[in-house]
Amino acid sequence: MQAGLRSADAFTVRRCQILLASANGQRAPAIARNLACAVGTVHNALRAFGREGLECLQEKSSRPHSAHAFLDEHFTDALKDLLHHSPRLLGKPTSLWTLDLVAEVCHGRGWTPRQLTGEAIRLALKRLGIRWRRAKHWITSPDPAYARKKKPATA
């Protein structure tokens, strides 16, 4: 613990100061006052030491444990199907998908509890293995003769 006081990591230094002061018999409010921190910080450090021992001296991820993806694997096929069709079929004024438009449609269909950002949709598509660059070009023309006209050009 004494070595932790010389650490380059401020988190480790602060935790060591709190634990050593507590080991010397100081109470949480006095430790907080001496270290110019909140009493809750002292209590958190003492609880973490009780649970983890010296492992509590290393800072953990601040990501919430309950965080989960809104669009998970069971939406993969539905998203692919959605992106294979023109947004005009859903009453949208454009024939090209944008990430924000996908977010709007996903929320409208009840797939997400709130409208996500375009960046969140991009990350979800990436995580699900759906390539956004390709998705933009999946759309076909509403022209009934499109397949016949396209065939000579792509042959």
Protein backbone atom coordinates (compact mmCIF):
# COMPACT_ATOMS: atom_id res chain seq x y z
CA MET A 1 0.00 0.00 0.00
CA GLN A 2 2.92 2.33 0.70
CA ALA A 3 4.20 1.71 -2.83
CA GLY A 4 0.80 2.70 -4.19
CA LEU A 5 1.31 6.19 -2.76
CA ARG A 6 4.09 6.69 -5.35
CA SER A 7 2.02 5.42 -8.27
CA ALA A 8 1.69 7.49 -11.44
CA ASP A 9 -2.05 6.75 -11.43
CA ALA A 10 -3.99 9.33 -9.39
CA PHE A 11 -6.81 6.85 -8.75
CA THR A 12 -4.41 4.38 -7.12
CA VAL A 13 -2.77 7.11 -5.01
CA ARG A 14 -6.14 8.36 -3.74
CA ARG A 15 -7.35 4.85 -2.88
CA CYS A 16 -4.10 4.11 -1.02
CA GLN A 17 -4.39 7.37 0.94
CA ILE A 18 -7.96 6.50 1.93
CA LEU A 19 -7.15 2.93 2.95
CA LEU A 20 -4.06 3.91 4.95
CA ALA A 21 -5.95 6.66 6.76
CA SER A 22 -8.73 4.20 7.58
CA ALA A 23 -6.17 1.66 8.82
CA ASN A 24 -4.82 4.39 11.16
CA GLY A 25 -8.28 4.66 12.71
CA GLN A 26 -9.60 7.78 11.01
CA ARG A 27 -13.32 7.94 10.29
CA ALA A 28 -14.72 8.55 6.80
CA PRO A 29 -15.70 12.24 7.30
CA ALA A 30 -12.22 13.09 8.62
CA ILE A 31 -10.53 11.25 5.74
CA ALA A 32 -12.71 13.08 3.23
CA ARG A 33 -11.93 16.45 4.83
CA ASN A 34 -8.16 15.77 4.87
CA LEU A 35 -8.08 14.57 1.27
CA ALA A 36 -10.57 17.19 -0.02
CA CYS A 37 -12.92 14.60 -1.45
CA ALA A 38 -16.50 13.51 -0.83
CA VAL A 39 -17.43 11.21 2.03
CA GLY A 40 -19.08 8.95 -0.58
CA THR A 41 -15.71 8.54 -2.30
CA VAL A 42 -14.21 7.32 0.96
CA HIS A 43 -17.10 4.92 1.57
CA ASN A 44 -16.83 3.59 -1.99
CA ALA A 45 -13.11 2.93 -1.54
CA LEU A 46 -13.63 1.16 1.80
CA ARG A 47 -16.46 -1.00 0.41
CA ALA A 48 -14.38 -1.88 -2.66
CA PHE A 49 -11.49 -2.92 -0.43
CA GLY A 50 -13.83 -5.10 1.61
CA ARG A 51 -15.09 -6.82 -1.57
CA GLU A 52 -11.95 -7.02 -3.70
CA GLY A 53 -8.96 -6.56 -1.43
CA LEU A 54 -5.95 -4.96 -3.11
CA GLU A 55 -7.60 -5.37 -6.52
CA CYS A 56 -9.61 -2.24 -5.67
CA LEU A 57 -6.49 -0.14 -6.27
CA GLN A 58 -6.88 -0.55 -10.04
CA GLU A 59 -9.51 1.60 -11.74
CA LYS A 60 -12.30 -0.39 -13.41
CA SER A 61 -14.40 0.44 -16.45
CA SER A 62 -17.00 3.13 -15.86
CA ARG A 63 -19.39 1.47 -18.33
CA PRO A 64 -22.66 0.49 -16.66
CA HIS A 65 -23.04 -3.24 -16.06
CA SER A 66 -26.61 -3.09 -17.30
CA ALA A 67 -25.73 -1.54 -20.68
CA HIS A 68 -26.97 -3.64 -23.57
CA ALA A 69 -27.47 -3.16 -27.26
CA PHE A 70 -30.94 -2.08 -28.36
CA LEU A 71 -30.61 -3.78 -31.74
CA ASP A 72 -29.28 -7.26 -31.05
CA GLU A 73 -28.91 -10.40 -33.16
CA HIS A 74 -32.61 -11.15 -33.46
CA PHE A 75 -33.05 -7.93 -35.50
CA THR A 76 -30.40 -8.88 -38.10
CA ASP A 77 -32.79 -10.40 -40.64
CA ALA A 78 -35.39 -7.69 -40.11
CA LEU A 79 -32.81 -4.94 -40.63
CA LYS A 80 -31.46 -6.61 -43.77
CA ASP A 81 -34.99 -6.92 -45.10
CA LEU A 82 -35.70 -3.27 -44.25
CA LEU A 83 -32.57 -2.06 -46.03
CA HIS A 84 -33.36 -4.13 -49.13
CA HIS A 85 -36.48 -2.05 -49.71
CA SER A 86 -36.83 1.58 -50.67
CA PRO A 87 -37.78 4.02 -47.91
CA ARG A 88 -40.51 5.25 -50.28
CA LEU A 89 -42.42 2.02 -49.58
CA LEU A 90 -42.67 3.21 -45.98
CA GLY A 91 -43.99 6.61 -47.03
CA LYS A 92 -40.65 8.42 -46.74
CA PRO A 93 -39.87 11.26 -49.18
CA THR A 94 -36.54 9.80 -50.33
CA SER A 95 -35.37 6.66 -52.04
CA LEU A 96 -32.01 6.52 -50.27
CA TRP A 97 -31.48 5.26 -46.75
CA THR A 98 -29.66 7.45 -44.28
CA LEU A 99 -28.60 6.30 -40.84
CA ASP A 100 -30.96 8.80 -39.22
CA LEU A 101 -33.81 7.52 -41.39
CA VAL A 102 -33.05 3.93 -40.35
CA ALA A 103 -33.09 5.09 -36.72
CA GLU A 104 -36.46 6.76 -37.25
CA VAL A 105 -37.98 3.66 -38.86
CA CYS A 106 -36.56 1.33 -36.18
CA HIS A 107 -38.12 3.47 -33.48
CA GLY A 108 -41.39 3.71 -35.42
CA ARG A 109 -41.57 -0.08 -35.66
CA GLY A 110 -40.94 -0.43 -31.92
CA TRP A 111 -37.52 -2.08 -32.32
CA THR A 112 -35.90 0.55 -30.10
CA PRO A 113 -37.43 2.23 -27.03
CA ARG A 114 -36.26 5.67 -28.23
CA GLN A 115 -34.92 7.07 -31.47
CA LEU A 116 -31.23 6.32 -31.67
CA THR A 117 -28.62 8.51 -33.34
CA GLY A 118 -27.28 7.72 -36.77
CA GLU A 119 -23.94 6.79 -35.17
CA ALA A 120 -25.65 4.29 -32.86
CA ILE A 121 -27.34 2.71 -35.89
CA ARG A 122 -24.00 2.57 -37.74
CA LEU A 123 -22.40 0.76 -34.79
CA ALA A 124 -25.35 -1.63 -34.49
CA LEU A 125 -25.18 -2.49 -38.20
CA LYS A 126 -21.43 -3.04 -37.91
CA ARG A 127 -21.89 -5.26 -34.84
CA LEU A 128 -24.54 -7.30 -36.67
CA GLY A 129 -22.31 -7.73 -39.72
CA ILE A 130 -24.46 -5.59 -42.02
CA ARG A 131 -22.26 -3.43 -44.23
CA TRP A 132 -23.74 0.06 -44.45
CA ARG A 133 -21.84 0.97 -47.61
CA ARG A 134 -23.48 -1.93 -49.42
CA ALA A 135 -26.88 -1.26 -47.84
CA LYS A 136 -27.10 2.13 -49.53
CA HIS A 137 -26.81 0.48 -52.95
CA TRP A 138 -29.27 -2.40 -52.44
CA ILE A 139 -32.17 -0.26 -53.58
CA THR A 140 -33.69 -0.85 -56.98
CA SER A 141 -35.73 1.46 -59.15
CA PRO A 142 -39.53 1.56 -58.80
CA ASP A 143 -39.69 1.35 -62.61
CA PRO A 144 -41.52 -1.92 -63.53
CA ALA A 145 -39.13 -2.42 -66.45
CA TYR A 146 -36.02 -1.86 -64.28
CA ALA A 147 -34.85 -5.50 -64.37
CA ARG A 148 -35.16 -5.64 -68.15
CA LYS A 149 -33.32 -2.33 -68.61
CA LYS A 150 -30.61 -3.17 -66.10
CA LYS A 151 -29.81 -6.59 -67.58
CA PRO A 152 -27.93 -5.30 -70.68
CA ALA A 153 -25.99 -2.77 -68.61
CA THR A 154 -24.75 -5.33 -66.09
CA ALA A 155 -24.20 -8.19 -68.48
